[in-house]
Amino acid sequence: MDRTAKIFLNNRSQAVRLPKDFQFSVSEVFIRKQGDEVVLSPRPSNWDAYLENGPVAPADFMAGIEDLPVQEREF
């Protein structure tokens, strides 16, 4: 669903006025660039929320990683 939003200056920062149906229910958001686009996503309020909803590594992400033997050391 593409909509337009107004951009304005707030002190020395550029801000975007989000339409009501695009507003966030959190007080902070993550911001990142993907090519020429700026993407906003809600910042979880705690680690539990982040771990429940954050990125998930694929099941084979450790495939091909060699498990090195434990090193014997003298102290």
Protein backbone atom coordinates (compact mmCIF):
# COMPACT_ATOMS: atom_id res chain seq x y z
CA MET A 1 0.00 0.00 0.00
CA ASP A 2 1.81 3.12 -1.20
CA ARG A 3 0.84 6.46 0.31
CA THR A 4 2.53 9.83 0.48
CA ALA A 5 3.68 11.60 3.63
CA LYS A 6 4.82 15.15 4.31
CA ILE A 7 8.48 15.87 5.01
CA PHE A 8 9.34 18.88 7.18
CA LEU A 9 12.21 20.35 9.17
CA ASN A 10 12.20 20.06 12.96
CA ASN A 11 15.03 22.26 14.24
CA ARG A 12 17.93 20.97 12.11
CA SER A 13 16.52 17.49 11.50
CA GLN A 14 14.32 16.30 8.68
CA ALA A 15 11.14 14.58 9.85
CA VAL A 16 8.27 12.70 8.23
CA ARG A 17 4.64 13.05 9.30
CA LEU A 18 3.25 9.52 9.11
CA PRO A 19 -0.41 8.99 8.23
CA LYS A 20 -2.44 7.58 11.13
CA ASP A 21 -2.59 4.04 9.73
CA PHE A 22 1.24 3.97 9.49
CA GLN A 23 1.99 5.20 13.02
CA PHE A 24 4.07 3.06 15.37
CA SER A 25 2.98 1.91 18.83
CA VAL A 26 6.56 2.25 20.16
CA SER A 27 8.61 5.32 21.07
CA GLU A 28 11.70 4.39 19.01
CA VAL A 29 12.30 2.79 15.61
CA PHE A 30 15.28 1.27 13.83
CA ILE A 31 16.22 3.08 10.62
CA ARG A 32 18.23 1.62 7.74
CA LYS A 33 18.85 2.24 4.06
CA GLN A 34 18.13 -0.38 1.42
CA GLY A 35 19.47 1.07 -1.80
CA ASP A 36 17.75 4.45 -2.21
CA GLU A 37 14.96 3.59 0.24
CA VAL A 38 14.78 4.40 3.96
CA VAL A 39 13.12 1.66 6.03
CA LEU A 40 11.71 2.14 9.54
CA SER A 41 10.91 -0.79 11.82
CA PRO A 42 9.79 -0.85 15.46
CA ARG A 43 12.53 -1.10 18.07
CA PRO A 44 11.51 -3.78 20.60
CA SER A 45 11.22 -2.50 24.17
CA ASN A 46 13.34 -5.35 25.59
CA TRP A 47 15.54 -8.26 24.54
CA ASP A 48 12.77 -10.84 24.96
CA ALA A 49 10.61 -9.03 22.41
CA TYR A 50 13.60 -8.71 20.05
CA LEU A 51 14.50 -12.40 20.30
CA GLU A 52 10.87 -13.42 19.71
CA ASN A 53 10.48 -11.20 16.63
CA GLY A 54 14.02 -10.56 15.43
CA PRO A 55 15.89 -12.13 12.54
CA VAL A 56 16.21 -15.92 12.58
CA ALA A 57 19.29 -17.69 11.29
CA PRO A 58 18.66 -20.53 8.83
CA ALA A 59 19.03 -24.05 10.24
CA ASP A 60 22.22 -24.68 8.23
CA PHE A 61 24.01 -21.40 9.05
CA MET A 62 26.79 -23.30 10.86
CA ALA A 63 27.19 -25.95 8.15
CA GLY A 64 30.76 -26.24 7.00
CA ILE A 65 32.21 -24.67 10.17
CA GLU A 66 35.00 -26.81 11.61
CA ASP A 67 34.71 -27.43 15.36
CA LEU A 68 38.28 -27.01 16.62
CA PRO A 69 39.63 -29.26 19.39
CA VAL A 70 40.10 -27.89 22.90
CA GLN A 71 43.59 -26.46 23.41
CA GLU A 72 45.73 -27.71 26.28
CA ARG A 73 47.43 -24.80 28.06
CA GLU A 74 49.85 -24.51 30.94
CA PHE A 75 49.33 -21.79 33.49
